[in-house]
C-alpha cells in the first residue's frame, strides 16, 4: 500500500503458486513487513516482524513499481529472484 507520494504505508505479500508447478517449500508464505526503511536510491528495505526488529531484511531494495530483484529465502541465508508488478 502506497501513499499518494509513492512511499509505502504498509507491505505484505502472499505466496503465488502456478497450477501444476512444483511447490517450493523453501519460499516464505504470507509475510507482513512492519519495518520499512527508505534507501537513498528510492527503493525500500522490507523486514518482517516488529518495527524495532533486528531481523535480516527479506527485500533489501524493493521498488514501488514493476521490477525484478532478489529476496531472502526461508532459511535466512539463500536468495531467490522475484518479479513485482505494481497494481493500479
N, C-alpha and C. Protein backbone atom coordinates (compact mmCIF):
# COMPACT_ATOMS: atom_id res chain seq x y z
N UNK A 1 0.85 -1.17 0.00
CA UNK A 1 0.00 0.00 0.00
C UNK A 1 0.89 1.23 0.00
N UNK A 2 0.63 2.13 -0.97
CA UNK A 2 1.45 3.33 -1.10
C UNK A 2 0.66 4.59 -0.77
N UNK A 3 1.35 5.56 -0.17
CA UNK A 3 0.75 6.88 -0.01
C UNK A 3 0.72 7.55 -1.38
N UNK A 4 0.08 8.70 -1.48
CA UNK A 4 -0.02 9.41 -2.76
C UNK A 4 1.35 9.84 -3.30
N UNK A 5 2.36 9.94 -2.42
CA UNK A 5 3.71 10.32 -2.87
C UNK A 5 4.58 9.12 -3.21
N UNK A 6 3.99 7.91 -3.21
CA UNK A 6 4.71 6.70 -3.60
C UNK A 6 5.46 6.01 -2.48
N UNK A 7 5.40 6.53 -1.28
CA UNK A 7 6.08 5.92 -0.13
C UNK A 7 5.19 4.82 0.45
N UNK A 8 5.77 3.63 0.73
CA UNK A 8 4.97 2.55 1.31
C UNK A 8 4.41 2.90 2.68
N UNK A 9 3.14 2.62 2.86
CA UNK A 9 2.47 2.81 4.13
C UNK A 9 2.44 1.48 4.89
N UNK A 10 2.28 0.41 4.14
CA UNK A 10 2.26 -0.94 4.69
C UNK A 10 2.68 -1.90 3.58
N UNK A 11 3.18 -3.07 3.96
CA UNK A 11 3.61 -4.05 2.97
C UNK A 11 3.32 -5.45 3.48
N UNK A 12 2.82 -6.28 2.58
CA UNK A 12 2.61 -7.70 2.87
C UNK A 12 2.62 -8.43 1.54
N UNK A 13 2.82 -9.72 1.57
CA UNK A 13 2.69 -10.50 0.35
C UNK A 13 2.05 -11.84 0.64
N UNK A 14 1.60 -12.46 -0.42
CA UNK A 14 1.01 -13.79 -0.36
C UNK A 14 1.73 -14.65 -1.38
N UNK A 15 1.99 -15.89 -1.02
CA UNK A 15 2.66 -16.81 -1.92
C UNK A 15 1.75 -17.08 -3.12
N UNK A 16 2.32 -17.07 -4.30
CA UNK A 16 1.58 -17.37 -5.51
C UNK A 16 2.16 -18.63 -6.13
N UNK A 17 1.32 -19.59 -6.39
CA UNK A 17 1.78 -20.86 -6.95
C UNK A 17 1.01 -21.13 -8.24
N UNK A 18 1.71 -21.42 -9.31
CA UNK A 18 1.07 -21.74 -10.57
C UNK A 18 0.51 -23.15 -10.51
N UNK A 19 -0.67 -23.35 -11.11
CA UNK A 19 -1.27 -24.67 -11.16
C UNK A 19 -0.33 -25.63 -11.88
N UNK A 20 -0.06 -26.75 -11.28
CA UNK A 20 0.80 -27.76 -11.88
C UNK A 20 2.28 -27.58 -11.56
N UNK A 21 2.66 -26.45 -10.99
CA UNK A 21 4.07 -26.22 -10.66
C UNK A 21 4.44 -26.95 -9.38
N UNK A 22 5.69 -27.34 -9.28
CA UNK A 22 6.17 -27.99 -8.05
C UNK A 22 6.16 -26.98 -6.92
N UNK A 23 5.69 -27.39 -5.74
CA UNK A 23 5.65 -26.50 -4.59
C UNK A 23 7.05 -26.31 -4.06
N UNK A 24 7.44 -25.07 -3.80
CA UNK A 24 8.77 -24.76 -3.29
C UNK A 24 8.65 -24.41 -1.81
N UNK A 25 8.90 -25.36 -0.96
CA UNK A 25 8.74 -25.16 0.48
C UNK A 25 9.76 -24.20 1.07
N UNK A 26 10.83 -23.91 0.34
CA UNK A 26 11.85 -23.01 0.90
C UNK A 26 11.43 -21.55 0.80
N UNK A 27 10.41 -21.24 -0.01
CA UNK A 27 9.91 -19.86 -0.08
C UNK A 27 9.04 -19.58 1.12
N UNK A 28 9.13 -18.38 1.63
CA UNK A 28 8.28 -17.99 2.74
C UNK A 28 6.83 -17.91 2.26
N UNK A 29 5.91 -18.05 3.15
CA UNK A 29 4.50 -17.93 2.81
C UNK A 29 4.03 -16.50 2.99
N UNK A 30 2.94 -16.32 3.71
CA UNK A 30 2.43 -14.98 3.96
C UNK A 30 3.42 -14.22 4.82
N UNK A 31 3.68 -12.98 4.43
CA UNK A 31 4.64 -12.16 5.16
C UNK A 31 4.05 -10.77 5.40
N UNK A 32 4.28 -10.25 6.58
CA UNK A 32 3.92 -8.87 6.91
C UNK A 32 5.20 -8.13 7.22
N UNK A 33 5.40 -6.99 6.58
CA UNK A 33 6.61 -6.21 6.75
C UNK A 33 6.28 -4.95 7.54
N UNK A 34 6.69 -4.94 8.80
CA UNK A 34 6.39 -3.81 9.67
C UNK A 34 7.55 -2.83 9.75
N UNK A 35 8.72 -3.24 9.29
CA UNK A 35 9.87 -2.34 9.28
C UNK A 35 10.17 -2.00 7.82
N UNK A 36 9.92 -0.76 7.44
CA UNK A 36 10.13 -0.28 6.08
C UNK A 36 11.10 0.89 6.16
N UNK A 37 12.26 0.75 5.53
CA UNK A 37 13.30 1.77 5.59
C UNK A 37 13.59 2.26 4.17
N UNK A 38 13.58 3.57 3.96
CA UNK A 38 13.88 4.14 2.65
C UNK A 38 15.37 4.09 2.37
N UNK A 39 15.73 3.65 1.17
CA UNK A 39 17.11 3.67 0.70
C UNK A 39 17.34 4.96 -0.09
N UNK A 40 18.59 5.36 -0.23
CA UNK A 40 18.92 6.60 -0.94
C UNK A 40 18.50 6.58 -2.41
N UNK A 41 18.43 5.38 -3.02
CA UNK A 41 18.09 5.29 -4.44
C UNK A 41 16.58 5.26 -4.71
N UNK A 42 15.76 5.44 -3.66
CA UNK A 42 14.31 5.43 -3.83
C UNK A 42 13.67 4.07 -3.60
N UNK A 43 14.48 3.04 -3.41
CA UNK A 43 13.95 1.72 -3.09
C UNK A 43 13.75 1.62 -1.58
N UNK A 44 13.19 0.49 -1.13
CA UNK A 44 12.89 0.31 0.29
C UNK A 44 13.38 -1.04 0.78
N UNK A 45 13.86 -1.05 2.01
CA UNK A 45 14.26 -2.28 2.68
C UNK A 45 13.06 -2.74 3.50
N UNK A 46 12.61 -3.97 3.26
CA UNK A 46 11.44 -4.52 3.95
C UNK A 46 11.87 -5.66 4.85
N UNK A 47 11.53 -5.55 6.14
CA UNK A 47 11.89 -6.57 7.13
C UNK A 47 10.63 -7.03 7.85
N UNK A 48 10.51 -8.35 7.99
CA UNK A 48 9.37 -8.90 8.71
C UNK A 48 9.50 -8.61 10.21
N UNK A 49 8.37 -8.67 10.91
CA UNK A 49 8.39 -8.51 12.35
C UNK A 49 8.11 -7.09 12.79
N UNK A 50 8.31 -6.84 14.06
CA UNK A 50 8.01 -5.54 14.65
C UNK A 50 8.94 -4.46 14.09
N UNK A 51 8.51 -3.19 14.12
CA UNK A 51 9.34 -2.10 13.59
C UNK A 51 10.74 -2.03 14.20
N UNK A 52 10.90 -2.49 15.44
CA UNK A 52 12.22 -2.45 16.07
C UNK A 52 12.97 -3.77 15.89
N UNK A 53 12.50 -4.60 14.96
CA UNK A 53 13.10 -5.90 14.72
C UNK A 53 14.54 -5.78 14.24
N UNK A 54 15.38 -6.69 14.68
CA UNK A 54 16.76 -6.74 14.23
C UNK A 54 16.94 -7.86 13.20
N UNK A 55 15.82 -8.39 12.69
CA UNK A 55 15.87 -9.46 11.70
C UNK A 55 16.53 -8.97 10.41
N UNK A 56 17.05 -9.90 9.63
CA UNK A 56 17.64 -9.57 8.33
C UNK A 56 16.52 -9.22 7.37
N UNK A 57 16.66 -8.13 6.62
CA UNK A 57 15.61 -7.75 5.67
C UNK A 57 15.37 -8.83 4.61
N UNK A 58 14.11 -9.07 4.29
CA UNK A 58 13.77 -10.02 3.24
C UNK A 58 14.03 -9.39 1.88
N UNK A 59 13.65 -8.14 1.73
CA UNK A 59 13.90 -7.38 0.49
C UNK A 59 14.82 -6.22 0.85
N UNK A 60 15.96 -6.11 0.22
CA UNK A 60 16.90 -5.02 0.52
C UNK A 60 16.67 -3.80 -0.36
N UNK A 61 16.04 -3.98 -1.54
CA UNK A 61 15.87 -2.86 -2.47
C UNK A 61 14.56 -3.00 -3.24
N UNK A 62 13.44 -3.08 -2.50
CA UNK A 62 12.13 -3.21 -3.15
C UNK A 62 11.71 -1.85 -3.70
N UNK A 63 11.19 -1.86 -4.91
CA UNK A 63 10.80 -0.61 -5.58
C UNK A 63 9.29 -0.57 -5.76
N UNK A 64 8.64 0.57 -5.54
CA UNK A 64 7.19 0.67 -5.72
C UNK A 64 6.83 0.88 -7.20
N UNK A 65 7.26 -0.08 -8.02
CA UNK A 65 6.97 -0.08 -9.46
C UNK A 65 7.24 -1.49 -9.98
N UNK A 66 6.91 -1.75 -11.24
CA UNK A 66 7.24 -3.04 -11.85
C UNK A 66 8.76 -3.20 -11.83
N UNK A 67 9.23 -4.34 -11.33
CA UNK A 67 10.67 -4.59 -11.29
C UNK A 67 10.96 -6.04 -10.96
N UNK A 68 12.20 -6.43 -11.11
CA UNK A 68 12.67 -7.74 -10.66
C UNK A 68 13.77 -7.51 -9.65
N UNK A 69 14.02 -8.50 -8.83
CA UNK A 69 15.06 -8.37 -7.81
C UNK A 69 15.34 -9.69 -7.15
N UNK A 70 15.98 -9.64 -6.00
CA UNK A 70 16.29 -10.83 -5.22
C UNK A 70 15.77 -10.66 -3.80
N UNK A 71 15.33 -11.77 -3.22
CA UNK A 71 14.79 -11.77 -1.86
C UNK A 71 15.43 -12.87 -1.04
N UNK A 72 15.42 -12.68 0.27
CA UNK A 72 15.95 -13.67 1.20
C UNK A 72 15.00 -14.85 1.30
N UNK A 73 15.55 -16.05 1.32
CA UNK A 73 14.75 -17.27 1.41
C UNK A 73 14.42 -17.60 2.87
N UNK A 74 13.59 -18.60 3.06
CA UNK A 74 13.13 -19.03 4.38
C UNK A 74 14.29 -19.38 5.31
N UNK A 75 15.35 -19.96 4.77
CA UNK A 75 16.47 -20.36 5.63
C UNK A 75 17.30 -19.17 6.11
N UNK A 76 17.00 -17.95 5.61
CA UNK A 76 17.69 -16.76 6.06
C UNK A 76 19.08 -16.60 5.51
N UNK A 77 19.46 -17.47 4.57
CA UNK A 77 20.81 -17.42 4.01
C UNK A 77 20.75 -17.23 2.49
N UNK A 78 20.02 -18.10 1.83
CA UNK A 78 19.96 -18.08 0.36
C UNK A 78 19.04 -16.98 -0.14
N UNK A 79 19.26 -16.60 -1.40
CA UNK A 79 18.40 -15.61 -2.04
C UNK A 79 17.73 -16.23 -3.26
N UNK A 80 16.61 -15.65 -3.66
CA UNK A 80 15.86 -16.13 -4.82
C UNK A 80 15.38 -14.93 -5.62
N UNK A 81 15.24 -15.10 -6.93
CA UNK A 81 14.73 -13.99 -7.74
C UNK A 81 13.23 -13.81 -7.53
N UNK A 82 12.74 -12.59 -7.77
CA UNK A 82 11.30 -12.34 -7.74
C UNK A 82 10.96 -11.31 -8.81
N UNK A 83 9.68 -11.24 -9.14
CA UNK A 83 9.17 -10.25 -10.08
C UNK A 83 8.00 -9.57 -9.40
N UNK A 84 8.02 -8.24 -9.34
CA UNK A 84 6.95 -7.47 -8.72
C UNK A 84 6.22 -6.66 -9.79
N UNK A 85 4.90 -6.58 -9.64
CA UNK A 85 4.07 -5.82 -10.56
C UNK A 85 3.24 -4.84 -9.75
N UNK A 86 3.32 -3.56 -10.08
CA UNK A 86 2.54 -2.54 -9.40
C UNK A 86 1.12 -2.58 -9.92
N UNK A 87 0.17 -2.79 -9.04
CA UNK A 87 -1.24 -2.83 -9.43
C UNK A 87 -1.83 -1.42 -9.40
N UNK A 88 -2.71 -1.11 -10.34
CA UNK A 88 -3.30 0.23 -10.37
C UNK A 88 -4.23 0.47 -9.20
